[in-house]
């Protein structure tokens, strides 16, 4: 086909395309987009606050709390944060200094004990004492016995310490006790004598 023969066909196609363009421009509105019915995308999240649930409204009322007079007192479950323990430590520093020596019958006073037996003229003399419950105890020379006596030393800021009776001698008819005060070495030790008591019933006439 020659070039002159193709010219009418090209002119016909151009006229048809121009007619379509004019028809589209003469319509009442723009051609609808195929994505017109799609919902708009949500805005992107900004910052860390987007992952946190919305806080309750500040206008919502807070629960009412009632207080009583006992709520302001110090208990085991509610302690005073401003309480000073200086006095407690001071009292602990003034507490009794307990003796570390081993003491026999430390729950009873010397007056509560009875001497009912003596074993003498041996290398280890022994004496038997009976407590208020009727139980017998055998003691030897050098042992500490009886309830301690508490002595205060050092003035108002001093401490209390214990003094105990010690078996000094076991003789034929009695038991000799001594008590020394280490804080007053210049004072002679106190002495106490427990006489032997016979537990045999009295004979009738």
N, C-alpha and C. Protein backbone atom coordinates (compact mmCIF):
# COMPACT_ATOMS: atom_id res chain seq x y z
N UNK A 1 0.87 -1.19 0.00
CA UNK A 1 0.00 0.00 0.00
C UNK A 1 0.90 1.23 0.00
N UNK A 2 0.56 2.23 -0.76
CA UNK A 2 1.37 3.44 -0.87
C UNK A 2 1.03 4.41 0.25
N UNK A 3 1.88 5.42 0.40
CA UNK A 3 1.69 6.41 1.46
C UNK A 3 0.43 7.20 1.24
N UNK A 4 0.09 7.47 0.03
CA UNK A 4 -1.15 8.23 -0.25
C UNK A 4 -2.37 7.45 0.07
N UNK A 5 -2.27 6.11 -0.02
CA UNK A 5 -3.44 5.27 0.30
C UNK A 5 -3.67 5.20 1.78
N UNK A 6 -2.56 5.31 2.64
CA UNK A 6 -2.73 5.20 4.10
C UNK A 6 -3.23 6.49 4.70
N UNK A 7 -3.15 7.64 4.04
CA UNK A 7 -3.51 8.92 4.63
C UNK A 7 -4.97 8.98 5.01
N UNK A 8 -5.93 8.52 4.19
CA UNK A 8 -7.34 8.59 4.62
C UNK A 8 -7.61 7.79 5.87
N UNK A 9 -6.90 6.66 6.11
CA UNK A 9 -7.13 5.81 7.30
C UNK A 9 -6.65 6.52 8.55
N UNK A 10 -5.50 7.19 8.46
CA UNK A 10 -4.97 7.91 9.63
C UNK A 10 -5.86 9.07 9.97
N UNK A 11 -6.38 9.75 8.95
CA UNK A 11 -7.27 10.88 9.22
C UNK A 11 -8.54 10.42 9.85
N UNK A 12 -9.03 9.28 9.46
CA UNK A 12 -10.27 8.75 10.06
C UNK A 12 -10.06 8.39 11.53
N UNK A 13 -8.92 7.80 11.87
CA UNK A 13 -8.64 7.42 13.28
C UNK A 13 -8.48 8.67 14.14
N UNK A 14 -7.85 9.71 13.60
CA UNK A 14 -7.68 10.93 14.38
C UNK A 14 -9.00 11.59 14.64
N UNK A 15 -9.91 11.56 13.66
CA UNK A 15 -11.22 12.17 13.87
C UNK A 15 -12.01 11.42 14.91
N UNK A 16 -11.90 10.09 14.91
CA UNK A 16 -12.62 9.28 15.93
C UNK A 16 -12.09 9.57 17.34
N UNK A 17 -10.77 9.70 17.55
CA UNK A 17 -10.19 9.96 18.87
C UNK A 17 -10.59 11.33 19.38
N UNK A 18 -10.66 12.32 18.43
CA UNK A 18 -11.08 13.66 18.82
C UNK A 18 -12.51 13.68 19.26
N UNK A 19 -13.36 12.88 18.63
CA UNK A 19 -14.77 12.82 19.05
C UNK A 19 -14.92 12.23 20.42
N UNK A 20 -14.10 11.22 20.77
CA UNK A 20 -14.17 10.63 22.13
C UNK A 20 -13.73 11.63 23.19
N UNK A 21 -12.72 12.42 22.86
CA UNK A 21 -12.24 13.41 23.83
C UNK A 21 -13.28 14.46 24.07
N UNK A 22 -13.96 14.93 23.05
CA UNK A 22 -15.00 15.95 23.20
C UNK A 22 -16.18 15.41 23.97
N UNK A 23 -16.51 14.15 23.75
CA UNK A 23 -17.63 13.55 24.49
C UNK A 23 -17.32 13.45 25.98
N UNK A 24 -16.07 13.11 26.30
CA UNK A 24 -15.69 13.00 27.71
C UNK A 24 -15.69 14.35 28.38
N UNK A 25 -15.22 15.39 27.71
CA UNK A 25 -15.20 16.74 28.31
C UNK A 25 -16.59 17.30 28.45
N UNK A 26 -17.54 16.87 27.66
CA UNK A 26 -18.89 17.42 27.75
C UNK A 26 -19.76 16.74 28.75
N UNK A 27 -19.29 15.72 29.46
CA UNK A 27 -20.11 15.02 30.48
C UNK A 27 -20.30 15.91 31.69
N UNK A 28 -21.26 15.55 32.58
CA UNK A 28 -21.62 16.39 33.73
C UNK A 28 -20.60 16.38 34.84
N UNK A 29 -19.72 15.44 34.99
CA UNK A 29 -18.76 15.38 36.10
C UNK A 29 -17.55 14.58 35.73
N UNK A 30 -16.59 14.53 36.60
CA UNK A 30 -15.36 13.78 36.34
C UNK A 30 -15.62 12.28 36.39
N UNK A 31 -14.81 11.57 35.72
CA UNK A 31 -14.92 10.10 35.71
C UNK A 31 -14.59 9.57 37.09
N UNK A 32 -15.51 8.77 37.67
CA UNK A 32 -15.26 8.26 39.04
C UNK A 32 -14.06 7.35 39.08
N UNK A 33 -13.30 7.46 40.20
CA UNK A 33 -12.11 6.62 40.39
C UNK A 33 -12.54 5.26 40.89
N UNK A 34 -11.88 4.20 40.47
CA UNK A 34 -12.24 2.86 40.98
C UNK A 34 -12.01 2.71 42.47
N UNK A 35 -11.25 3.65 43.15
CA UNK A 35 -11.00 3.57 44.60
C UNK A 35 -11.86 4.54 45.38
N UNK A 36 -12.96 5.07 44.75
CA UNK A 36 -13.78 6.08 45.42
C UNK A 36 -14.51 5.52 46.61
N UNK A 37 -14.97 4.25 46.52
CA UNK A 37 -15.73 3.65 47.63
C UNK A 37 -14.85 3.14 48.75
N UNK A 38 -13.55 3.14 48.59
CA UNK A 38 -12.66 2.62 49.65
C UNK A 38 -12.60 3.59 50.82
N UNK A 39 -12.54 3.05 52.07
CA UNK A 39 -12.48 3.89 53.29
C UNK A 39 -11.13 4.55 53.39
N UNK A 40 -11.09 5.79 53.90
CA UNK A 40 -9.79 6.46 54.03
C UNK A 40 -8.91 5.77 55.06
N UNK A 41 -7.62 5.74 54.78
CA UNK A 41 -6.66 5.08 55.68
C UNK A 41 -6.51 5.90 56.95
N UNK A 42 -6.38 5.23 58.11
CA UNK A 42 -6.20 5.98 59.37
C UNK A 42 -4.87 6.68 59.38
N UNK A 43 -4.80 7.81 60.11
CA UNK A 43 -3.52 8.53 60.18
C UNK A 43 -2.48 7.70 60.90
N UNK A 44 -1.23 7.84 60.56
CA UNK A 44 -0.17 7.05 61.23
C UNK A 44 -0.03 7.44 62.69
N UNK A 45 0.34 6.45 63.50
CA UNK A 45 0.54 6.69 64.93
C UNK A 45 1.78 7.54 65.13
N UNK A 46 1.69 8.43 66.11
CA UNK A 46 2.80 9.34 66.40
C UNK A 46 3.24 9.17 67.85
N UNK A 47 4.49 8.81 68.03
CA UNK A 47 5.06 8.77 69.37
C UNK A 47 4.60 7.55 70.16
N UNK A 48 5.20 7.34 71.37
CA UNK A 48 4.87 6.18 72.22
C UNK A 48 3.49 6.25 72.81
N UNK A 49 2.86 7.43 72.82
CA UNK A 49 1.53 7.55 73.43
C UNK A 49 0.49 6.79 72.63
N UNK A 50 0.80 6.45 71.36
CA UNK A 50 -0.20 5.77 70.53
C UNK A 50 -0.45 4.35 71.00
N UNK A 51 0.52 3.71 71.69
CA UNK A 51 0.37 2.34 72.15
C UNK A 51 -0.20 2.25 73.55
N UNK A 52 -0.43 3.36 74.21
CA UNK A 52 -0.95 3.38 75.57
C UNK A 52 -2.45 3.59 75.52
N UNK A 53 -3.16 2.81 76.34
CA UNK A 53 -4.62 2.95 76.37
C UNK A 53 -4.98 4.33 76.90
N UNK A 54 -6.11 4.80 76.45
CA UNK A 54 -6.56 6.13 76.84
C UNK A 54 -6.78 6.18 78.34
N UNK A 55 -6.28 7.23 78.98
CA UNK A 55 -6.41 7.39 80.43
C UNK A 55 -7.84 7.77 80.76
N UNK A 56 -8.29 7.39 81.96
CA UNK A 56 -9.65 7.76 82.34
C UNK A 56 -9.81 9.26 82.40
N UNK A 57 -10.97 9.69 82.22
CA UNK A 57 -11.24 11.13 82.19
C UNK A 57 -10.90 11.76 83.54
N UNK A 58 -10.27 12.93 83.46
CA UNK A 58 -9.89 13.62 84.69
C UNK A 58 -11.10 14.09 85.48
N UNK A 59 -12.22 14.15 84.84
CA UNK A 59 -13.41 14.62 85.52
C UNK A 59 -14.13 13.53 86.30
N UNK A 60 -13.68 12.23 86.17
CA UNK A 60 -14.35 11.15 86.90
C UNK A 60 -14.05 11.29 88.39
N UNK A 61 -15.02 11.12 89.28
CA UNK A 61 -14.80 11.31 90.72
C UNK A 61 -13.95 10.21 91.31
N UNK A 62 -13.07 10.55 92.29
CA UNK A 62 -12.24 9.58 92.98
C UNK A 62 -13.02 8.99 94.15
N UNK A 63 -12.68 7.73 94.54
CA UNK A 63 -13.40 7.12 95.66
C UNK A 63 -13.14 7.89 96.96
N UNK A 64 -14.12 8.02 97.77
CA UNK A 64 -14.02 8.75 99.03
C UNK A 64 -13.41 7.87 100.10
N UNK A 65 -12.41 8.37 100.80
CA UNK A 65 -11.72 7.63 101.85
C UNK A 65 -12.00 8.31 103.18
N UNK A 66 -12.45 7.52 104.14
CA UNK A 66 -12.75 8.06 105.47
C UNK A 66 -11.65 7.65 106.44
N UNK A 67 -11.21 8.58 107.28
CA UNK A 67 -10.18 8.34 108.26
C UNK A 67 -10.77 8.42 109.66
N UNK A 68 -10.18 7.62 110.56
CA UNK A 68 -10.60 7.61 111.96
C UNK A 68 -9.42 8.02 112.83
N UNK A 69 -9.71 8.27 114.09
CA UNK A 69 -8.66 8.71 115.01
C UNK A 69 -7.59 7.65 115.19
N UNK A 70 -8.00 6.37 115.13
CA UNK A 70 -7.03 5.29 115.31
C UNK A 70 -6.06 5.18 114.14
N UNK A 71 -6.44 5.72 112.98
CA UNK A 71 -5.56 5.62 111.81
C UNK A 71 -4.29 6.44 111.96
N UNK A 72 -4.29 7.40 112.90
CA UNK A 72 -3.13 8.25 113.07
C UNK A 72 -2.23 7.79 114.22
N UNK A 73 -2.57 6.68 114.85
CA UNK A 73 -1.74 6.13 115.91
C UNK A 73 -0.74 5.13 115.34
N UNK A 74 0.39 4.96 116.03
CA UNK A 74 1.44 4.05 115.57
C UNK A 74 1.12 2.63 115.99
N UNK A 75 1.14 1.71 115.04
CA UNK A 75 0.90 0.30 115.28
C UNK A 75 1.99 -0.50 114.60
N UNK A 76 1.87 -1.86 114.69
CA UNK A 76 2.84 -2.71 114.03
C UNK A 76 2.76 -2.59 112.52
N UNK A 77 1.56 -2.27 112.01
CA UNK A 77 1.37 -2.16 110.56
C UNK A 77 1.56 -0.74 110.05
N UNK A 78 1.54 0.23 110.95
CA UNK A 78 1.69 1.63 110.55
C UNK A 78 2.64 2.31 111.54
N UNK A 79 3.89 2.45 111.15
CA UNK A 79 4.90 3.02 112.02
C UNK A 79 5.13 4.50 111.69
N UNK A 80 5.50 5.23 112.71
CA UNK A 80 5.77 6.66 112.55
C UNK A 80 7.13 6.83 111.86
N UNK A 81 7.16 7.40 110.65
CA UNK A 81 8.46 7.55 109.96
C UNK A 81 9.38 8.55 110.63
N UNK A 82 8.84 9.39 111.52
CA UNK A 82 9.65 10.41 112.19
C UNK A 82 10.05 9.99 113.60
N UNK A 83 9.77 8.75 113.97
CA UNK A 83 10.09 8.28 115.32
C UNK A 83 11.61 8.13 115.47
N UNK A 84 12.13 8.61 116.59
CA UNK A 84 13.55 8.52 116.88
C UNK A 84 13.82 7.29 117.74
N UNK A 85 14.84 6.51 117.37
CA UNK A 85 15.20 5.32 118.12
C UNK A 85 16.41 5.56 119.01
N UNK A 86 16.79 6.82 119.20
CA UNK A 86 17.94 7.13 120.04
C UNK A 86 17.70 6.69 121.48
N UNK A 87 16.46 6.89 121.96
CA UNK A 87 16.16 6.49 123.34
C UNK A 87 16.20 4.99 123.51
N UNK A 88 15.72 4.26 122.48
CA UNK A 88 15.74 2.81 122.55
C UNK A 88 17.16 2.28 122.60
N UNK A 89 18.05 2.84 121.78
CA UNK A 89 19.43 2.40 121.80
C UNK A 89 20.09 2.76 123.13
N UNK A 90 19.70 3.89 123.69
CA UNK A 90 20.26 4.28 124.98
C UNK A 90 19.83 3.32 126.07
N UNK A 91 18.56 2.88 126.04
CA UNK A 91 18.09 1.92 127.04
C UNK A 91 18.76 0.57 126.88
N UNK A 92 19.01 0.17 125.62
CA UNK A 92 19.67 -1.10 125.41
C UNK A 92 21.10 -1.06 125.92
N UNK A 93 21.75 0.09 125.77
CA UNK A 93 23.12 0.20 126.26
C UNK A 93 23.18 0.14 127.79
N UNK A 94 22.05 0.45 128.45
CA UNK A 94 22.00 0.39 129.91
C UNK A 94 21.46 -0.93 130.41
N UNK A 95 21.23 -1.90 129.54
CA UNK A 95 20.65 -3.15 129.95
C UNK A 95 21.63 -3.96 130.79
N UNK A 96 21.12 -5.00 131.41
CA UNK A 96 21.93 -5.79 132.32
C UNK A 96 22.98 -6.59 131.56
N UNK A 97 24.19 -6.63 132.10
CA UNK A 97 25.26 -7.47 131.57
C UNK A 97 25.15 -8.81 132.28
N UNK A 98 24.66 -9.80 131.52
CA UNK A 98 24.42 -11.11 132.11
C UNK A 98 25.73 -11.86 132.27
N UNK A 99 25.87 -12.52 133.42
CA UNK A 99 27.07 -13.28 133.69
C UNK A 99 27.18 -14.47 132.74
N UNK A 100 28.41 -14.73 132.28
CA UNK A 100 28.65 -15.84 131.37
C UNK A 100 29.05 -17.12 132.10
N UNK A 101 29.14 -17.06 133.42
CA UNK A 101 29.53 -18.25 134.18
C UNK A 101 28.35 -19.20 134.36
N UNK A 102 28.64 -20.45 134.55
CA UNK A 102 27.61 -21.47 134.77
C UNK A 102 27.19 -21.45 136.24
N UNK A 103 25.88 -21.29 136.44
CA UNK A 103 25.34 -21.16 137.79
C UNK A 103 24.32 -22.26 138.03
N UNK A 104 24.43 -22.91 139.19
CA UNK A 104 23.49 -23.96 139.60
C UNK A 104 22.40 -23.33 140.45
N UNK A 105 21.15 -23.76 140.21
CA UNK A 105 20.00 -23.27 140.98
C UNK A 105 19.85 -21.75 140.85
N UNK A 106 20.03 -21.25 139.63
CA UNK A 106 19.98 -19.80 139.43
C UNK A 106 18.58 -19.22 139.50
N UNK A 107 17.54 -20.08 139.63
CA UNK A 107 16.17 -19.58 139.74
C UNK A 107 15.73 -19.41 141.20
N UNK A 108 16.57 -19.77 142.13
CA UNK A 108 16.18 -19.74 143.54
C UNK A 108 17.16 -18.88 144.34
N UNK A 109 16.60 -18.17 145.33
CA UNK A 109 17.44 -17.42 146.26
C UNK A 109 18.12 -18.37 147.23
N UNK A 110 19.19 -17.91 147.85
CA UNK A 110 19.92 -18.76 148.79
C UNK A 110 19.03 -19.15 149.97
N UNK A 111 18.15 -18.24 150.38
CA UNK A 111 17.26 -18.54 151.52
C UNK A 111 16.27 -19.64 151.18
N UNK A 112 16.03 -19.92 149.91
CA UNK A 112 15.08 -20.95 149.52
C UNK A 112 15.70 -22.34 149.49
N UNK A 113 16.99 -22.44 149.68
CA UNK A 113 17.69 -23.73 149.59
C UNK A 113 17.95 -24.29 150.99
N UNK A 114 17.92 -25.63 151.08
CA UNK A 114 18.19 -26.31 152.35
C UNK A 114 19.38 -27.24 152.17
N UNK A 115 20.28 -27.20 153.12
CA UNK A 115 21.44 -28.09 153.12
C UNK A 115 21.08 -29.34 153.93
N UNK A 116 21.04 -30.50 153.25
CA UNK A 116 20.60 -31.72 153.94
C UNK A 116 21.70 -32.78 154.00
N UNK A 117 22.83 -32.55 153.35
CA UNK A 117 23.89 -33.58 153.39
C UNK A 117 25.24 -33.00 153.06
N UNK A 118 26.29 -33.59 153.69
CA UNK A 118 27.67 -33.17 153.48
C UNK A 118 28.55 -34.39 153.37
N UNK A 119 29.50 -34.33 152.45
CA UNK A 119 30.51 -35.38 152.31
C UNK A 119 31.86 -34.69 152.44
N UNK A 120 32.56 -34.97 153.56
CA UNK A 120 33.84 -34.32 153.83
C UNK A 120 34.93 -35.38 153.96
N UNK A 121 36.15 -34.94 154.33
CA UNK A 121 37.31 -35.80 154.49
C UNK A 121 37.56 -36.64 153.23
N UNK A 122 37.46 -35.97 152.10
CA UNK A 122 37.72 -36.58 150.80
C UNK A 122 38.39 -35.55 149.91
N UNK A 123 38.96 -36.02 148.81
CA UNK A 123 39.62 -35.08 147.89
C UNK A 123 38.63 -34.10 147.26
N UNK A 124 37.39 -34.51 147.10
CA UNK A 124 36.36 -33.64 146.52
C UNK A 124 35.17 -33.59 147.46
N UNK A 125 35.18 -32.69 148.43
CA UNK A 125 34.03 -32.57 149.32
C UNK A 125 32.78 -32.16 148.53
N UNK A 126 31.64 -32.66 148.99
CA UNK A 126 30.38 -32.37 148.29
C UNK A 126 29.31 -32.02 149.33
N UNK A 127 28.35 -31.25 148.84
CA UNK A 127 27.20 -30.87 149.68
C UNK A 127 25.94 -31.05 148.86
N UNK A 128 24.86 -31.48 149.54
CA UNK A 128 23.57 -31.66 148.86
C UNK A 128 22.60 -30.59 149.34
N UNK A 129 22.05 -29.87 148.33
CA UNK A 129 21.04 -28.85 148.60
C UNK A 129 19.72 -29.30 147.99
N UNK A 130 18.61 -28.87 148.62
CA UNK A 130 17.27 -29.19 148.14
C UNK A 130 16.56 -27.89 147.80
N UNK A 131 15.97 -27.83 146.58
CA UNK A 131 15.24 -26.63 146.17
C UNK A 131 13.81 -26.67 146.68
N UNK A 132 13.02 -25.61 146.53
CA UNK A 132 11.64 -25.60 147.05
C UNK A 132 10.75 -26.69 146.47
N UNK A 133 11.11 -27.27 145.33
CA UNK A 133 10.31 -28.35 144.76
C UNK A 133 10.70 -29.73 145.28
N UNK A 134 11.67 -29.78 146.19
CA UNK A 134 12.08 -31.05 146.77
C UNK A 134 13.14 -31.78 145.97
N UNK A 135 13.71 -31.17 144.97
CA UNK A 135 14.74 -31.82 144.15
C UNK A 135 16.11 -31.55 144.75
N UNK A 136 16.94 -32.60 144.84
CA UNK A 136 18.27 -32.47 145.42
C UNK A 136 19.31 -32.13 144.37
N UNK A 137 20.30 -31.32 144.80
CA UNK A 137 21.39 -30.89 143.93
C UNK A 137 22.70 -31.06 144.69
N UNK A 138 23.69 -31.65 144.03
CA UNK A 138 25.00 -31.84 144.63
C UNK A 138 25.94 -30.77 144.09
N UNK A 139 26.60 -30.04 144.99
CA UNK A 139 27.53 -28.99 144.59
C UNK A 139 28.89 -29.27 145.20
N UNK A 140 29.92 -28.72 144.54
CA UNK A 140 31.28 -28.88 145.01
C UNK A 140 31.93 -27.51 145.15
N UNK A 141 33.13 -27.51 145.68
CA UNK A 141 33.85 -26.26 145.89
C UNK A 141 34.15 -25.57 144.55
N UNK A 142 33.93 -24.26 144.52
CA UNK A 142 34.19 -23.48 143.33
C UNK A 142 32.98 -23.23 142.45
N UNK A 143 31.88 -23.95 142.66
CA UNK A 143 30.68 -23.75 141.84
C UNK A 143 29.91 -22.51 142.29
N UNK A 144 29.23 -21.88 141.32
CA UNK A 144 28.35 -20.74 141.60
C UNK A 144 26.93 -21.25 141.76
N UNK A 145 26.23 -20.76 142.78
CA UNK A 145 24.88 -21.23 143.05
C UNK A 145 23.98 -20.04 143.37
N UNK A 146 22.67 -20.27 143.22
CA UNK A 146 21.68 -19.29 143.64
C UNK A 146 21.41 -18.21 142.61
N UNK A 147 20.27 -17.52 142.85
CA UNK A 147 19.87 -16.42 141.98
C UNK A 147 20.87 -15.26 142.11
N UNK A 148 21.28 -14.67 140.98
CA UNK A 148 22.27 -13.59 141.06
C UNK A 148 21.67 -12.32 141.64
N UNK A 149 22.55 -11.51 142.21
CA UNK A 149 22.15 -10.19 142.68
C UNK A 149 22.58 -9.17 141.64
N UNK A 150 21.66 -8.26 141.29
CA UNK A 150 21.93 -7.25 140.26
C UNK A 150 22.47 -6.00 140.93
N UNK A 151 23.61 -5.52 140.42
CA UNK A 151 24.27 -4.34 140.97
C UNK A 151 24.41 -3.32 139.85
N UNK A 152 24.13 -2.06 140.17
CA UNK A 152 24.26 -0.98 139.20
C UNK A 152 25.58 -0.25 139.44
N UNK A 153 26.27 0.04 138.36
CA UNK A 153 27.57 0.73 138.47
C UNK A 153 27.70 1.76 137.37
N UNK A 154 28.50 2.78 137.65
CA UNK A 154 28.79 3.77 136.63
C UNK A 154 27.88 4.98 136.64
N UNK A 155 27.09 5.18 137.67
CA UNK A 155 26.22 6.35 137.73
C UNK A 155 25.01 6.22 136.83
N UNK A 156 24.38 7.38 136.48
CA UNK A 156 23.15 7.33 135.67
C UNK A 156 23.35 6.69 134.30
N UNK A 157 24.52 6.82 133.73
CA UNK A 157 24.75 6.23 132.41
C UNK A 157 25.42 4.88 132.47
N UNK A 158 25.47 4.27 133.65
CA UNK A 158 26.15 2.98 133.80
C UNK A 158 25.29 1.80 133.40
N UNK A 159 25.79 0.61 133.72
CA UNK A 159 25.09 -0.63 133.38
C UNK A 159 24.87 -1.45 134.63
N UNK A 160 23.97 -2.43 134.51
CA UNK A 160 23.71 -3.38 135.59
C UNK A 160 24.47 -4.67 135.30
N UNK A 161 25.03 -5.26 136.34
CA UNK A 161 25.72 -6.54 136.17
C UNK A 161 25.35 -7.46 137.33
N UNK A 162 25.65 -8.75 137.16
CA UNK A 162 25.21 -9.77 138.11
C UNK A 162 26.38 -10.22 138.99
N UNK A 163 26.03 -10.51 140.24
CA UNK A 163 26.96 -11.10 141.21
C UNK A 163 26.38 -12.42 141.69
N UNK A 164 27.23 -13.44 141.76
CA UNK A 164 26.78 -14.77 142.16
C UNK A 164 27.54 -15.26 143.39
N UNK A 165 26.85 -16.09 144.16
CA UNK A 165 27.49 -16.74 145.30
C UNK A 165 28.31 -17.93 144.80
N UNK A 166 29.46 -18.12 145.43
CA UNK A 166 30.36 -19.23 145.06
C UNK A 166 30.65 -20.09 146.29
N UNK A 167 30.67 -21.41 146.07
CA UNK A 167 30.97 -22.33 147.17
C UNK A 167 32.45 -22.20 147.50
N UNK A 168 32.73 -21.71 148.72
CA UNK A 168 34.12 -21.49 149.12
C UNK A 168 34.66 -22.63 149.96
N UNK A 169 33.85 -23.12 150.90
CA UNK A 169 34.30 -24.22 151.76
C UNK A 169 33.13 -25.14 152.09
N UNK A 170 33.44 -26.41 152.22
CA UNK A 170 32.46 -27.40 152.67
C UNK A 170 33.02 -28.01 153.95
N UNK A 171 32.40 -27.67 155.08
CA UNK A 171 32.91 -28.10 156.38
C UNK A 171 32.04 -29.24 156.94
N UNK A 172 32.34 -29.63 158.16
CA UNK A 172 31.65 -30.78 158.75
C UNK A 172 30.17 -30.52 158.97
N UNK A 173 29.78 -29.28 159.27
CA UNK A 173 28.39 -29.03 159.63
C UNK A 173 27.75 -27.87 158.85
N UNK A 174 28.48 -27.30 157.93
CA UNK A 174 27.89 -26.18 157.18
C UNK A 174 28.58 -26.00 155.82
N UNK A 175 28.01 -25.07 155.06
CA UNK A 175 28.50 -24.74 153.72
C UNK A 175 28.78 -23.25 153.69
N UNK A 176 29.98 -22.84 153.29
CA UNK A 176 30.39 -21.44 153.31
C UNK A 176 30.38 -20.92 151.86
N UNK A 177 29.65 -19.81 151.66
CA UNK A 177 29.57 -19.17 150.34
C UNK A 177 30.22 -17.80 150.41
N UNK A 178 30.81 -17.37 149.30
CA UNK A 178 31.38 -16.03 149.21
C UNK A 178 30.88 -15.38 147.93
N UNK A 179 30.83 -14.05 147.93
CA UNK A 179 30.40 -13.29 146.75
C UNK A 179 31.32 -12.09 146.58
N UNK A 180 32.01 -12.04 145.46
CA UNK A 180 32.97 -10.99 145.18
C UNK A 180 32.42 -10.03 144.13
N UNK A 181 32.76 -8.75 144.30
CA UNK A 181 32.35 -7.73 143.35
C UNK A 181 33.59 -7.28 142.57
N UNK A 182 33.71 -7.67 141.29
CA UNK A 182 34.92 -7.31 140.54
C UNK A 182 35.06 -5.81 140.33
N UNK A 183 33.97 -5.06 140.43
CA UNK A 183 34.06 -3.61 140.25
C UNK A 183 34.58 -2.91 141.50
N UNK A 184 34.60 -3.62 142.64
CA UNK A 184 35.08 -3.05 143.90
C UNK A 184 36.03 -4.06 144.55
N UNK A 185 37.19 -4.20 143.95
CA UNK A 185 38.15 -5.18 144.46
C UNK A 185 38.68 -4.80 145.83
N UNK A 186 38.56 -3.53 146.21
CA UNK A 186 39.07 -3.09 147.51
C UNK A 186 38.14 -3.46 148.65
N UNK A 187 36.91 -3.90 148.33
CA UNK A 187 35.95 -4.28 149.37
C UNK A 187 36.04 -5.79 149.58
N UNK A 188 36.13 -6.26 150.85
CA UNK A 188 36.20 -7.71 151.11
C UNK A 188 34.94 -8.40 150.60
N UNK A 189 35.05 -9.63 150.09
CA UNK A 189 33.87 -10.35 149.59
C UNK A 189 32.87 -10.64 150.70
N UNK A 190 31.59 -10.67 150.33
CA UNK A 190 30.54 -11.01 151.29
C UNK A 190 30.58 -12.52 151.56
N UNK A 191 30.16 -12.89 152.77
CA UNK A 191 30.21 -14.30 153.19
C UNK A 191 28.83 -14.73 153.67
N UNK A 192 28.48 -15.96 153.35
CA UNK A 192 27.18 -16.52 153.75
C UNK A 192 27.41 -17.97 154.18
N UNK A 193 26.81 -18.37 155.32
CA UNK A 193 26.97 -19.72 155.84
C UNK A 193 25.61 -20.40 155.87
N UNK A 194 25.52 -21.60 155.27
CA UNK A 194 24.29 -22.40 155.31
C UNK A 194 24.55 -23.59 156.23
N UNK A 195 23.79 -23.68 157.30
CA UNK A 195 23.98 -24.75 158.27
C UNK A 195 23.28 -26.01 157.81
N UNK A 196 23.81 -27.16 158.24
CA UNK A 196 23.23 -28.45 157.90
C UNK A 196 21.91 -28.64 158.64
N UNK A 197 20.89 -29.10 157.93
CA UNK A 197 19.59 -29.34 158.52
C UNK A 197 19.28 -30.85 158.48
N UNK A 198 18.77 -31.32 159.57
CA UNK A 198 18.41 -32.72 159.63
C UNK A 198 16.99 -32.89 159.11
N UNK A 199 16.81 -33.83 158.21
CA UNK A 199 15.49 -34.09 157.63
C UNK A 199 14.79 -35.27 158.29
N UNK A 200 15.42 -35.89 159.30
CA UNK A 200 14.82 -37.04 159.97
C UNK A 200 13.69 -36.56 160.89
N UNK A 201 12.59 -37.30 160.97
CA UNK A 201 11.48 -36.88 161.83
C UNK A 201 11.85 -36.95 163.28
N UNK A 202 11.27 -36.09 164.09
CA UNK A 202 11.57 -36.07 165.51
C UNK A 202 11.01 -37.32 166.19
N UNK A 203 11.78 -37.85 167.13
CA UNK A 203 11.38 -39.04 167.87
C UNK A 203 10.43 -38.63 169.01
N UNK A 204 9.37 -39.38 169.18
CA UNK A 204 8.44 -39.12 170.25
C UNK A 204 8.92 -39.69 171.57
N UNK A 205 8.29 -39.39 172.69
CA UNK A 205 8.71 -39.90 174.00
C UNK A 205 8.53 -41.39 174.09
